[in-house]
C-alpha atoms as a PDB file:
ATOM      1  CA  MET A   1      91.868 139.940 101.965  1.00  0.00           C
ATOM      2  CA  ARG A   2      89.906 136.744 101.559  1.00  0.00           C
ATOM      3  CA  VAL A   3      91.837 133.489 102.074  1.00  0.00           C
ATOM      4  CA  LEU A   4      90.838 129.903 101.275  1.00  0.00           C
ATOM      5  CA  VAL A   5      92.493 126.806 102.751  1.00  0.00           C
ATOM      6  CA  LEU A   6      91.817 123.265 101.464  1.00  0.00           C
ATOM      7  CA  ILE A   7      92.408 120.653 104.183  1.00  0.00           C
ATOM      8  CA  PRO A   8      91.485 117.070 103.233  1.00  0.00           C
ATOM      9  CA  GLY A   9      91.450 114.415 105.944  1.00  0.00           C
ATOM     10  CA  GLY A  10      89.860 113.715 109.291  1.00  0.00           C
ATOM     11  CA  ILE A  11      89.477 115.646 112.525  1.00  0.00           C
ATOM     12  CA  SER A  12      93.086 115.037 113.587  1.00  0.00           C
ATOM     13  CA  ASP A  13      94.305 116.585 110.324  1.00  0.00           C
ATOM     14  CA  GLN A  14      92.257 119.711 111.016  1.00  0.00           C
ATOM     15  CA  ILE A  15      93.537 120.086 114.591  1.00  0.00           C
ATOM     16  CA  LEU A  16      97.116 119.638 113.413  1.00  0.00           C
ATOM     17  CA  PHE A  17      96.552 122.469 110.913  1.00  0.00           C
ATOM     18  CA  PHE A  18      95.197 124.902 113.553  1.00  0.00           C
ATOM     19  CA  PRO A  19      98.674 126.383 114.320  1.00  0.00           C
ATOM     20  CA  THR A  20      99.089 127.332 110.650  1.00  0.00           C
ATOM     21  CA  LEU A  21      95.682 129.036 110.660  1.00  0.00           C
ATOM     22  CA  GLN A  22      96.685 130.865 113.847  1.00  0.00           C
ATOM     23  CA  THR A  23      99.893 132.239 112.311  1.00  0.00           C
ATOM     24  CA  LEU A  24      98.042 133.194 109.133  1.00  0.00           C
ATOM     25  CA  LYS A  25      95.430 135.121 111.135  1.00  0.00           C
ATOM     26  CA  ASN A  26      98.093 136.799 113.274  1.00  0.00           C
ATOM     27  CA  LYS A  27      99.969 137.892 110.150  1.00  0.00           C
ATOM     28  CA  TYR A  28      96.823 139.103 108.356  1.00  0.00           C
ATOM     29  CA  PRO A  29      94.426 140.110 111.176  1.00  0.00           C
ATOM     30  CA  GLN A  30      91.948 141.729 108.776  1.00  0.00           C
ATOM     31  CA  ALA A  31      91.797 138.681 106.503  1.00  0.00           C
ATOM     32  CA  THR A  32      88.740 136.463 106.243  1.00  0.00           C
ATOM     33  CA  ILE A  33      89.800 132.800 106.286  1.00  0.00           C
ATOM     34  CA  ASP A  34      87.525 130.073 104.909  1.00  0.00           C
ATOM     35  CA  VAL A  35      88.290 126.364 104.751  1.00  0.00           C
ATOM     36  CA  ILE A  36      87.111 123.502 102.568  1.00  0.00           C
ATOM     37  CA  VAL A  37      87.088 120.172 104.422  1.00  0.00           C
ATOM     38  CA  GLU A  38      85.517 116.749 104.125  1.00  0.00           C
ATOM     39  CA  PRO A  39      82.018 116.315 105.623  1.00  0.00           C
ATOM     40  CA  ARG A  40      83.377 114.177 108.490  1.00  0.00           C
ATOM     41  CA  SER A  41      85.629 117.041 109.605  1.00  0.00           C
ATOM     42  CA  LYS A  42      83.284 120.035 109.511  1.00  0.00           C
ATOM     43  CA  ASN A  43      82.544 119.836 113.240  1.00  0.00           C
ATOM     44  CA  SER A  44      86.261 120.444 114.006  1.00  0.00           C
ATOM     45  CA  TYR A  45      85.846 124.179 113.503  1.00  0.00           C
ATOM     46  CA  ARG A  46      83.530 124.515 116.484  1.00  0.00           C
ATOM     47  CA  ILE A  47      86.761 124.928 118.477  1.00  0.00           C
ATOM     48  CA  CYS A  48      88.740 127.121 116.050  1.00  0.00           C
ATOM     49  CA  LYS A  49      88.290 130.903 116.207  1.00  0.00           C
ATOM     50  CA  HIS A  50      90.433 131.708 113.169  1.00  0.00           C
ATOM     51  CA  VAL A  51      87.979 130.540 110.477  1.00  0.00           C
ATOM     52  CA  GLN A  52      84.986 132.453 109.146  1.00  0.00           C
ATOM     53  CA  GLU A  53      83.212 129.877 106.955  1.00  0.00           C
ATOM     54  CA  VAL A  54      83.522 126.094 106.711  1.00  0.00           C
ATOM     55  CA  LEU A  55      82.720 124.703 103.269  1.00  0.00           C
ATOM     56  CA  VAL A  56      82.434 121.019 102.442  1.00  0.00           C
ATOM     57  CA  PHE A  57      83.793 118.875  99.620  1.00  0.00           C
ATOM     58  CA  ASP A  58      84.364 115.126  99.782  1.00  0.00           C
ATOM     59  CA  PHE A  59      87.946 114.847  98.524  1.00  0.00           C
ATOM     60  CA  GLN A  60      87.904 111.060  99.112  1.00  0.00           C
ATOM     61  CA  ASP A  61      84.832 110.405  96.975  1.00  0.00           C
ATOM     62  CA  ARG A  62      84.805 109.353  93.331  1.00  0.00           C
ATOM     63  CA  ASN A  63      83.910 112.833  92.178  1.00  0.00           C
ATOM     64  CA  GLY A  64      82.475 113.415  88.736  1.00  0.00           C
ATOM     65  CA  LEU A  65      82.250 116.467  86.504  1.00  0.00           C
ATOM     66  CA  ALA A  66      79.180 117.827  88.314  1.00  0.00           C
ATOM     67  CA  ASP A  67      80.966 117.639  91.682  1.00  0.00           C
ATOM     68  CA  TYR A  68      83.987 119.541  90.384  1.00  0.00           C
ATOM     69  CA  LEU A  69      81.779 122.154  88.710  1.00  0.00           C
ATOM     70  CA  ASN A  70      79.997 122.702  92.033  1.00  0.00           C
ATOM     71  CA  LEU A  71      83.380 123.141  93.729  1.00  0.00           C
ATOM     72  CA  LEU A  72      84.437 125.576  91.003  1.00  0.00           C
ATOM     73  CA  GLY A  73      81.306 127.670  91.505  1.00  0.00           C
ATOM     74  CA  MET A  74      81.583 127.606  95.297  1.00  0.00           C
ATOM     75  CA  ILE A  75      85.120 128.992  95.122  1.00  0.00           C
ATOM     76  CA  ARG A  76      84.446 131.511  92.339  1.00  0.00           C
ATOM     77  CA  ASP A  77      81.478 133.085  94.152  1.00  0.00           C
ATOM     78  CA  ARG A  78      83.715 134.154  97.057  1.00  0.00           C
ATOM     79  CA  GLU A  79      86.516 135.810  95.038  1.00  0.00           C
ATOM     80  CA  TYR A  80      89.543 134.653  97.028  1.00  0.00           C
ATOM     81  CA  GLU A  81      92.922 136.394  96.744  1.00  0.00           C
ATOM     82  CA  LEU A  82      94.984 133.612  98.324  1.00  0.00           C
ATOM     83  CA  VAL A  83      94.565 129.847  98.522  1.00  0.00           C
ATOM     84  CA  ILE A  84      96.628 127.327 100.492  1.00  0.00           C
ATOM     85  CA  THR A  85      96.000 123.710  99.601  1.00  0.00           C
ATOM     86  CA  LEU A  86      97.029 120.357 101.023  1.00  0.00           C
ATOM     87  CA  GLU A  87      95.132 118.606  98.234  1.00  0.00           C
ATOM     88  CA  GLN A  88      97.505 117.296  95.558  1.00  0.00           C
ATOM     89  CA  ASN A  89      94.869 116.234  93.036  1.00  0.00           C
ATOM     90  CA  TRP A  90      95.754 118.063  89.817  1.00  0.00           C
ATOM     91  CA  ILE A  91      92.083 118.556  88.957  1.00  0.00           C
ATOM     92  CA  VAL A  92      91.473 120.526  92.161  1.00  0.00           C
ATOM     93  CA  ASN A  93      94.622 122.582  91.551  1.00  0.00           C
ATOM     94  CA  PHE A  94      93.441 123.225  87.996  1.00  0.00           C
ATOM     95  CA  LEU A  95      90.132 124.560  89.358  1.00  0.00           C
ATOM     96  CA  LEU A  96      92.001 126.927  91.689  1.00  0.00           C
ATOM     97  CA  TRP A  97      93.912 128.248  88.660  1.00  0.00           C
ATOM     98  CA  LEU A  98      90.731 128.406  86.570  1.00  0.00           C
ATOM     99  CA  ASP A  99      89.045 130.450  89.292  1.00  0.00           C
ATOM    100  CA  GLY A 100      91.765 133.067  88.885  1.00  0.00           C
ATOM    101  CA  ILE A 101      92.984 133.085  92.490  1.00  0.00           C
ATOM    102  CA  PRO A 102      96.184 135.179  92.233  1.00  0.00           C
ATOM    103  CA  THR A 103      98.300 133.378  94.861  1.00  0.00           C
ATOM    104  CA  ARG A 104      98.102 129.570  95.000  1.00  0.00           C
ATOM    105  CA  VAL A 105     100.253 127.898  97.667  1.00  0.00           C
ATOM    106  CA  GLY A 106     100.991 124.185  98.029  1.00  0.00           C
ATOM    107  CA  TYR A 107     103.669 121.516  98.114  1.00  0.00           C
ATOM    108  CA  GLN A 108     105.930 120.806  95.156  1.00  0.00           C
ATOM    109  CA  SER A 109     104.874 117.616  93.390  1.00  0.00           C
ATOM    110  CA  SER A 110     104.341 116.150  89.953  1.00  0.00           C
ATOM    111  CA  ASN A 111     100.775 117.541  90.127  1.00  0.00           C
ATOM    112  CA  SER A 112     101.554 121.108  91.246  1.00  0.00           C
ATOM    113  CA  TRP A 113     101.728 122.736  87.782  1.00  0.00           C
ATOM    114  CA  PHE A 114      98.741 125.004  88.490  1.00  0.00           C
ATOM    115  CA  LEU A 115     100.148 126.348  91.777  1.00  0.00           C
ATOM    116  CA  ASN A 116     102.456 129.368  91.627  1.00  0.00           C
ATOM    117  CA  CYS A 117     103.926 129.337  95.175  1.00  0.00           C
ATOM    118  CA  THR A 118     105.253 125.902  96.093  1.00  0.00           C
ATOM    119  CA  ILE A 119     107.724 124.530  98.626  1.00  0.00           C
ATOM    120  CA  PRO A 120     109.257 121.063  99.125  1.00  0.00           C
ATOM    121  CA  LYS A 121     107.306 118.785 101.458  1.00  0.00           C
ATOM    122  CA  ASN A 122     109.415 117.679 104.433  1.00  0.00           C
ATOM    123  CA  THR A 123     107.606 114.653 105.859  1.00  0.00           C
ATOM    124  CA  ASP A 124     110.340 113.778 108.380  1.00  0.00           C
ATOM    125  CA  GLN A 125     109.058 116.079 111.122  1.00  0.00           C
ATOM    126  CA  TYR A 126     106.128 116.821 113.444  1.00  0.00           C
ATOM    127  CA  ILE A 127     103.105 117.241 111.153  1.00  0.00           C
ATOM    128  CA  PRO A 128     102.120 120.767 112.340  1.00  0.00           C
ATOM    129  CA  PHE A 129     105.662 121.873 111.449  1.00  0.00           C
ATOM    130  CA  MET A 130     105.228 120.346 107.983  1.00  0.00           C
ATOM    131  CA  TYR A 131     101.948 122.219 107.476  1.00  0.00           C
ATOM    132  CA  HIS A 132     103.404 125.444 108.877  1.00  0.00           C
ATOM    133  CA  ASP A 133     106.229 125.248 106.312  1.00  0.00           C
ATOM    134  CA  LEU A 134     103.672 126.217 103.646  1.00  0.00           C
ATOM    135  CA  LEU A 135     103.709 129.764 105.015  1.00  0.00           C
ATOM    136  CA  LYS A 136     107.347 130.090 103.950  1.00  0.00           C
ATOM    137  CA  ALA A 137     106.016 130.363 100.406  1.00  0.00           C
ATOM    138  CA  LEU A 138     104.426 133.638 101.596  1.00  0.00           C
ATOM    139  CA  LYS A 139     107.714 134.797 103.197  1.00  0.00           C
ATOM    140  CA  ILE A 140     106.310 134.091 106.684  1.00  0.00           C
ATOM    141  CA  ASP A 141     109.058 132.613 108.865  1.00  0.00           C
ATOM    142  CA  ASP A 142     107.351 132.808 112.276  1.00  0.00           C
ATOM    143  CA  PRO A 143     107.797 129.744 114.532  1.00  0.00           C
ATOM    144  CA  CYS A 144     104.942 127.248 114.585  1.00  0.00           C
ATOM    145  CA  PRO A 145     102.665 127.851 117.615  1.00  0.00           C
ATOM    146  CA  ASP A 146     101.650 125.034 119.956  1.00  0.00           C
ATOM    147  CA  LEU A 147      98.349 123.248 119.359  1.00  0.00           C
ATOM    148  CA  SER A 148      95.472 125.146 120.941  1.00  0.00           C
ATOM    149  CA  VAL A 149      91.683 125.185 120.744  1.00  0.00           C
ATOM    150  CA  ASN A 150      88.900 127.551 121.790  1.00  0.00           C
ATOM    151  CA  VAL A 151      86.139 125.711 123.633  1.00  0.00           C
ATOM    152  CA  PRO A 152      82.718 127.449 123.670  1.00  0.00           C
ATOM    153  CA  ARG A 153      81.354 128.366 127.096  1.00  0.00           C
ATOM    154  CA  GLU A 154      78.279 126.170 126.599  1.00  0.00           C
ATOM    155  CA  ASP A 155      80.536 123.155 126.043  1.00  0.00           C
ATOM    156  CA  ILE A 156      82.456 123.858 129.253  1.00  0.00           C
ATOM    157  CA  GLU A 157      79.120 124.057 131.102  1.00  0.00           C
ATOM    158  CA  TRP A 158      78.055 120.730 129.561  1.00  0.00           C
ATOM    159  CA  ALA A 159      81.288 119.119 130.785  1.00  0.00           C
ATOM    160  CA  GLU A 160      80.767 120.516 134.286  1.00  0.00           C
ATOM    161  CA  SER A 161      77.235 119.095 134.287  1.00  0.00           C
ATOM    162  CA  GLU A 162      78.538 115.670 133.214  1.00  0.00           C
ATOM    163  CA  GLN A 163      81.204 115.767 135.926  1.00  0.00           C
ATOM    164  CA  LYS A 164      78.480 116.362 138.512  1.00  0.00           C
ATOM    165  CA  ARG A 165      76.301 113.589 137.057  1.00  0.00           C
ATOM    166  CA  LEU A 166      79.183 111.119 137.174  1.00  0.00           C
ATOM    167  CA  LYS A 167      80.273 112.379 140.633  1.00  0.00           C
ATOM    168  CA  ILE A 168      83.807 113.128 139.438  1.00  0.00           C
ATOM    169  CA  LYS A 169      83.916 116.926 139.695  1.00  0.00           C
ATOM    170  CA  ASP A 170      85.656 117.067 143.092  1.00  0.00           C
ATOM    171  CA  THR A 171      87.809 113.955 142.787  1.00  0.00           C
ATOM    172  CA  GLY A 172      89.478 114.473 139.434  1.00  0.00           C
ATOM    173  CA  TYR A 173      89.508 111.562 136.984  1.00  0.00           C
ATOM    174  CA  ILE A 174      91.538 109.534 134.532  1.00  0.00           C
ATOM    175  CA  ILE A 175      90.037 109.453 131.061  1.00  0.00           C
ATOM    176  CA  ILE A 176      90.664 106.627 128.593  1.00  0.00           C
ATOM    177  CA  HIS A 177      90.037 106.501 124.863  1.00  0.00           C
ATOM    178  CA  GLY A 178      90.912 103.223 123.192  1.00  0.00           C
ATOM    179  CA  GLY A 179      88.844 103.330 120.045  1.00  0.00           C
ATOM    180  CA  ALA A 180      89.634 104.184 116.443  1.00  0.00           C
ATOM    181  CA  SER A 181      87.559 105.430 113.534  1.00  0.00           C
ATOM    182  CA  ILE A 182      85.827 103.033 111.169  1.00  0.00           C
ATOM    183  CA  LEU A 183      87.740 104.661 108.284  1.00  0.00           C
ATOM    184  CA  THR A 184      91.063 103.840 109.969  1.00  0.00           C
ATOM    185  CA  ALA A 185      90.040 100.201 110.302  1.00  0.00           C
ATOM    186  CA  TYR A 186      88.838 100.188 106.684  1.00  0.00           C
ATOM    187  CA  GLN A 187      92.265 101.470 105.607  1.00  0.00           C
ATOM    188  CA  GLY A 188      93.874  98.525 107.404  1.00  0.00           C
ATOM    189  CA  ILE A 189      95.540 100.656 110.100  1.00  0.00           C
ATOM    190  CA  ASN A 190      95.119  98.894 113.438  1.00  0.00           C
ATOM    191  CA  LYS A 191      95.218 101.391 116.319  1.00  0.00           C
ATOM    192  CA  ILE A 192      93.169  99.275 118.749  1.00  0.00           C
ATOM    193  CA  TYR A 193      94.956  98.125 121.896  1.00  0.00           C
ATOM    194  CA  PRO A 194      93.543  94.735 123.033  1.00  0.00           C
ATOM    195  CA  VAL A 195      90.756  94.862 125.628  1.00  0.00           C
ATOM    196  CA  PRO A 196      92.415  92.324 128.014  1.00  0.00           C
ATOM    197  CA  LYS A 197      95.483  94.563 128.162  1.00  0.00           C
ATOM    198  CA  TRP A 198      93.349  97.621 128.862  1.00  0.00           C
ATOM    199  CA  GLN A 199      91.680  95.569 131.591  1.00  0.00           C
ATOM    200  CA  ARG A 200      95.021  94.966 133.280  1.00  0.00           C
ATOM    201  CA  VAL A 201      95.920  98.670 133.128  1.00  0.00           C
ATOM    202  CA  ILE A 202      92.539  99.698 134.541  1.00  0.00           C
ATOM    203  CA  GLU A 203      92.666  97.126 137.335  1.00  0.00           C
ATOM    204  CA  ASP A 204      96.153  98.263 138.362  1.00  0.00           C
ATOM    205  CA  ILE A 205      95.006 101.893 138.532  1.00  0.00           C
ATOM    206  CA  ARG A 206      91.951 100.831 140.522  1.00  0.00           C
ATOM    207  CA  MET A 207      94.070  98.875 142.990  1.00  0.00           C
ATOM    208  CA  LYS A 208      96.633 101.646 143.574  1.00  0.00           C
ATOM    209  CA  GLN A 209      94.325 104.669 143.335  1.00  0.00           C
ATOM    210  CA  PRO A 210      90.835 103.429 144.281  1.00  0.00           C
ATOM    211  CA  ASP A 211      89.509 106.949 144.879  1.00  0.00           C
ATOM    212  CA  ILE A 212      90.305 108.226 141.373  1.00  0.00           C
ATOM    213  CA  PRO A 213      87.408 107.557 138.957  1.00  0.00           C
ATOM    214  CA  ILE A 214      88.203 106.053 135.564  1.00  0.00           C
ATOM    215  CA  VAL A 215      86.115 107.410 132.692  1.00  0.00           C
ATOM    216  CA  LEU A 216      85.819 105.898 129.205  1.00  0.00           C
ATOM    217  CA  LEU A 217      85.304 108.170 126.212  1.00  0.00           C
ATOM    218  CA  CYS A 218      82.689 106.576 123.983  1.00  0.00           C
ATOM    219  CA  GLY A 219      82.149 107.963 120.504  1.00  0.00           C
ATOM    220  CA  PRO A 220      79.929 106.535 117.743  1.00  0.00           C
ATOM    221  CA  ASP A 221      82.703 104.135 116.634  1.00  0.00           C
ATOM    222  CA  ASP A 222      83.621 103.018 120.166  1.00  0.00           C
ATOM    223  CA  LEU A 223      80.474 101.206 121.315  1.00  0.00           C
ATOM    224  CA  GLU A 224      81.824  97.662 120.992  1.00  0.00           C
ATOM    225  CA  TRP A 225      85.106  98.527 122.737  1.00  0.00           C
ATOM    226  CA  THR A 226      83.301 100.378 125.534  1.00  0.00           C
ATOM    227  CA  THR A 227      80.813  97.549 126.092  1.00  0.00           C
ATOM    228  CA  GLU A 228      83.637  95.015 126.425  1.00  0.00           C
ATOM    229  CA  ILE A 229      85.554  97.158 128.919  1.00  0.00           C
ATOM    230  CA  VAL A 230      82.454  97.838 131.039  1.00  0.00           C
ATOM    231  CA  SER A 231      81.623  94.124 131.155  1.00  0.00           C
ATOM    232  CA  LEU A 232      85.110  93.387 132.531  1.00  0.00           C
ATOM    233  CA  CYS A 233      85.482  96.495 134.714  1.00  0.00           C
ATOM    234  CA  PRO A 234      81.939  97.463 135.789  1.00  0.00           C
ATOM    235  CA  TYR A 235      83.170 100.249 138.092  1.00  0.00           C
ATOM    236  CA  VAL A 236      84.341 102.455 135.193  1.00  0.00           C
ATOM    237  CA  LYS A 237      82.194 105.401 134.141  1.00  0.00           C
ATOM    238  CA  VAL A 238      81.267 106.300 130.559  1.00  0.00           C
ATOM    239  CA  VAL A 239      80.831 109.666 128.890  1.00  0.00           C
ATOM    240  CA  SER A 240      79.647 110.288 125.313  1.00  0.00           C
ATOM    241  CA  PRO A 241      80.223 113.898 124.209  1.00  0.00           C
ATOM    242  CA  PRO A 242      77.906 114.782 121.294  1.00  0.00           C
ATOM    243  CA  ASP A 243      80.371 117.113 119.551  1.00  0.00           C
ATOM    244  CA  ILE A 244      84.037 118.073 119.481  1.00  0.00           C
ATOM    245  CA  GLY A 245      83.657 121.097 121.760  1.00  0.00           C
ATOM    246  CA  LYS A 246      82.156 119.024 124.549  1.00  0.00           C
ATOM    247  CA  LEU A 247      84.749 116.316 123.920  1.00  0.00           C
ATOM    248  CA  ALA A 248      87.541 118.875 124.387  1.00  0.00           C
ATOM    249  CA  ALA A 249      85.892 120.234 127.533  1.00  0.00           C
ATOM    250  CA  ILE A 250      85.523 116.845 129.242  1.00  0.00           C
ATOM    251  CA  ILE A 251      89.125 115.950 128.363  1.00  0.00           C
ATOM    252  CA  ALA A 252      90.346 119.296 129.736  1.00  0.00           C
ATOM    253  CA  GLY A 253      88.976 118.426 133.180  1.00  0.00           C
ATOM    254  CA  ALA A 254      90.948 115.174 133.473  1.00  0.00           C
ATOM    255  CA  ASN A 255      94.080 114.556 135.538  1.00  0.00           C
ATOM    256  CA  LEU A 256      95.403 112.140 132.915  1.00  0.00           C
ATOM    257  CA  MET A 257      94.491 110.983 129.410  1.00  0.00           C
ATOM    258  CA  LEU A 258      95.342 107.416 128.342  1.00  0.00           C
ATOM    259  CA  CYS A 259      94.714 106.823 124.659  1.00  0.00           C
ATOM    260  CA  THR A 260      95.788 105.488 121.322  1.00  0.00           C
ATOM    261  CA  ASP A 261      96.711 107.743 118.386  1.00  0.00           C
ATOM    262  CA  SER A 262      93.439 109.546 117.627  1.00  0.00           C
ATOM    263  CA  ALA A 263      91.657 112.904 117.431  1.00  0.00           C
ATOM    264  CA  PRO A 264      90.958 112.850 121.216  1.00  0.00           C
ATOM    265  CA  MET A 265      94.728 112.503 121.719  1.00  0.00           C
ATOM    266  CA  GLN A 266      95.323 115.704 119.740  1.00  0.00           C
ATOM    267  CA  LEU A 267      92.614 117.452 121.770  1.00  0.00           C
ATOM    268  CA  ALA A 268      94.295 116.361 125.009  1.00  0.00           C
ATOM    269  CA  ILE A 269      97.563 117.862 123.781  1.00  0.00           C
ATOM    270  CA  ALA A 270      95.801 121.084 122.750  1.00  0.00           C
ATOM    271  CA  VAL A 271      94.097 121.573 126.150  1.00  0.00           C
ATOM    272  CA  GLY A 272      97.286 120.760 128.074  1.00  0.00           C
ATOM    273  CA  VAL A 273      96.266 117.548 129.837  1.00  0.00           C
ATOM    274  CA  TYR A 274      99.028 115.107 130.818  1.00  0.00           C
ATOM    275  CA  THR A 275      98.769 112.445 128.111  1.00  0.00           C
ATOM    276  CA  ILE A 276     100.133 108.937 127.639  1.00  0.00           C
ATOM    277  CA  ALA A 277      99.495 107.714 124.095  1.00  0.00           C
ATOM    278  CA  LEU A 278     100.045 104.313 122.492  1.00  0.00           C
ATOM    279  CA  PHE A 279     101.396 103.990 118.948  1.00  0.00           C
ATOM    280  CA  GLY A 280     101.581 101.005 116.631  1.00  0.00           C
ATOM    281  CA  PRO A 281     101.729 101.673 112.864  1.00  0.00           C
ATOM    282  CA  THR A 282     101.888 105.475 113.244  1.00  0.00           C
ATOM    283  CA  LYS A 283     104.910 107.398 114.552  1.00  0.00           C
ATOM    284  CA  THR A 284     105.257 109.461 117.724  1.00  0.00           C
ATOM    285  CA  THR A 285     107.787 111.766 116.049  1.00  0.00           C
ATOM    286  CA  LYS A 286     105.180 112.945 113.543  1.00  0.00           C
ATOM    287  CA  LEU A 287     102.151 113.136 115.820  1.00  0.00           C
ATOM    288  CA  LEU A 288     103.452 114.301 119.212  1.00  0.00           C
ATOM    289  CA  PRO A 289     105.094 117.678 119.853  1.00  0.00           C
ATOM    290  CA  PRO A 290     108.840 117.507 120.496  1.00  0.00           C
ATOM    291  CA  LYS A 291     110.176 118.535 123.913  1.00  0.00           C
ATOM    292  CA  CYS A 292     106.781 118.560 125.625  1.00  0.00           C
ATOM    293  CA  ASP A 293     106.850 117.234 129.196  1.00  0.00           C
ATOM    294  CA  ARG A 294     103.045 116.830 129.347  1.00  0.00           C
ATOM    295  CA  VAL A 295     102.918 114.244 126.556  1.00  0.00           C
ATOM    296  CA  PHE A 296     104.507 110.806 126.494  1.00  0.00           C
ATOM    297  CA  GLY A 297     104.257 108.433 123.549  1.00  0.00           C
ATOM    298  CA  ILE A 298     104.818 104.698 123.840  1.00  0.00           C
ATOM    299  CA  GLN A 299     105.878 103.336 120.458  1.00  0.00           C
ATOM    300  CA  SER A 300     105.498  99.637 119.721  1.00  0.00           C
ATOM    301  CA  LEU A 301     108.833  98.055 118.799  1.00  0.00           C
ATOM    302  CA  SER A 302     106.933  96.334 116.003  1.00  0.00           C
ATOM    303  CA  SER A 303     104.214  97.973 113.925  1.00  0.00           C
ATOM    304  CA  GLN A 304     101.598  96.201 116.068  1.00  0.00           C
ATOM    305  CA  ILE A 305     100.106  98.257 118.888  1.00  0.00           C
ATOM    306  CA  ALA A 306      99.134  95.014 120.679  1.00  0.00           C
ATOM    307  CA  ASP A 307     102.847  94.312 121.243  1.00  0.00           C
ATOM    308  CA  ILE A 308     103.178  97.180 123.742  1.00  0.00           C
ATOM    309  CA  PRO A 309     103.635  95.595 127.209  1.00  0.00           C
ATOM    310  CA  THR A 310     101.165  96.746 129.848  1.00  0.00           C
ATOM    311  CA  ASP A 311     104.092  97.073 132.274  1.00  0.00           C
ATOM    312  CA  LYS A 312     105.500  99.864 130.122  1.00  0.00           C
ATOM    313  CA  ILE A 313     102.200 101.770 130.294  1.00  0.00           C
ATOM    314  CA  LEU A 314     101.910 101.303 134.050  1.00  0.00           C
ATOM    315  CA  GLU A 315     105.507 102.349 134.590  1.00  0.00           C
ATOM    316  CA  GLN A 316     104.803 105.647 132.850  1.00  0.00           C
ATOM    317  CA  ILE A 317     101.533 106.193 134.747  1.00  0.00           C
ATOM    318  CA  TRP A 318     103.195 105.822 138.146  1.00  0.00           C
ATOM    319  CA  LYS A 319     106.081 108.102 137.185  1.00  0.00           C
ATOM    320  CA  GLN A 320     103.729 111.078 137.488  1.00  0.00           C
END
């Protein structure tokens, strides 16, 4: 059986869908599973063993007739028997129907006329549970697995090499990610915790645990934040993983991850690192697994992440 899954969104959205792909593969071990994702998310599948082919379509773009015809042809060439879609654009759903895919699964909505297996969308729960609910349309009632990833051996070796370069392999380290994607900022969602507050947290850790290195994760969107932190706390170390596999590997080696709501946060959860995450406009109940003693979310009492007191972060750090 050949299965197609349409997953719009960023890297976090892909990681949060991994448990559903895992259950699908466990239920149909002989099935070939392909996904269609946005260009910015293609790299996510470096750490997912359940997917055969990663196809690309920019769901967020102002797509014209030619774009949709290309999508139609891409899907038709592969002759899928089952499609699961998170995309609620009626045009995309129409194309899935037009391609003649026998089983078309998605959420019930005003645009789901061309899907023939739909379920209500329960948004008041942990997002992987919400995604996993789609399998109920296929009469699959298995519990949702925990987040997990498969890191390639070469990425683990890269992380070990970086640990040696930074002289942190034998000491352990605390890793911090305080950035947010440019798209998030463009959408008006502020997930950036103020640099002076990060400075206070870092200085307190340095004072109480001077032998534990502090490492900043610096991605392409984090250069300004990283530069500011380094100028205030010159003893911190910086690592810049070139892809998601190496990012997961360097996070996996940490004693503790301090971060805001982001894709690195989801990776930390997936690799089992003790994680303290800060939340402003987004909700811990939807983005952190329930009843997990390795993950602690600090939710701002307002919608502003900057309103989280540093004392609350430090209190949780020293509870370990």
